[in-house]
C-alpha cells in the first residue's frame, strides 16, 4: 500500500492486462482505469478514484501509466470516458495518440 504522503509519480500502479485495467491502492482505497484494446486502439472506458482520494493527482497518474503503455505498444487512444477526454484535451502534447 502507498502512504498518504506519496506523490502521484511514486504510486505503485499495477497493470492488469488480462482485465484491461490499471489500478492502485492508496490508504486502503482503490483507483482504477479500465480500457479495451482492439485493432491497435486503446479505448479508455472508465477512470475513477475513491472519493477519499480525489484531488491528489491519482487519476492523472493512472492516465499517464495507461498512455505510456499505449505509446510503447504503438497504439492510438480513444478517450471514451469524460475524465480521459478532459485530460487529453488539457495536454496538447498527447494529440498524436488520439484516433
Foldseek 3Di string as FASTA:
>chain_A
DAEPPDALVPFPWDDPPVQQKIWGAYPNWIWMWHWDDDPQETETDDTGTPPVCPPRCNSVSRLVVVLVVSVVVNGAYHDPDPVNVVVCVVPVVNVVRHD
